[in-house]
């Protein structure tokens, strides 16, 4: 079992920045990959970024590449999503997710992940 708690969301103007945090607890030693997804009402959950625990490789959606950066702090068992140059279309609830699978083939797919946080709201005003 793993618990994930997101924080850092809020209201920001277009062009601004936010840093989301995802604190993990429980069987964190069993986590091999983590991801950030976002969702707006009436739409499917959309992939934003992922990071592999072992080789620290990262993967981004085209919509956030160059603006968002995913990173981790092992000592704090926390994953971050630094979001720069925010746009109104980035407005969504943001969720972090953890996978216990050693290898995942499609980090952008929600069903690759085993645990999810409750989400944190990001609102970008124009």
Foldseek 3Di string as FASTA:
>chain_A
DKAWAKDWADEEAAQAKIKMKIFMDDPLVLFFKKFKWWDDPPDDIWGAKMAGPPPRDMDGDPVQPPFWDWDDDVVRNMIMIIGGRDDQVVWTWMKMFTASDNDDDCVGDPVRGDDIYPTDTHGYHD
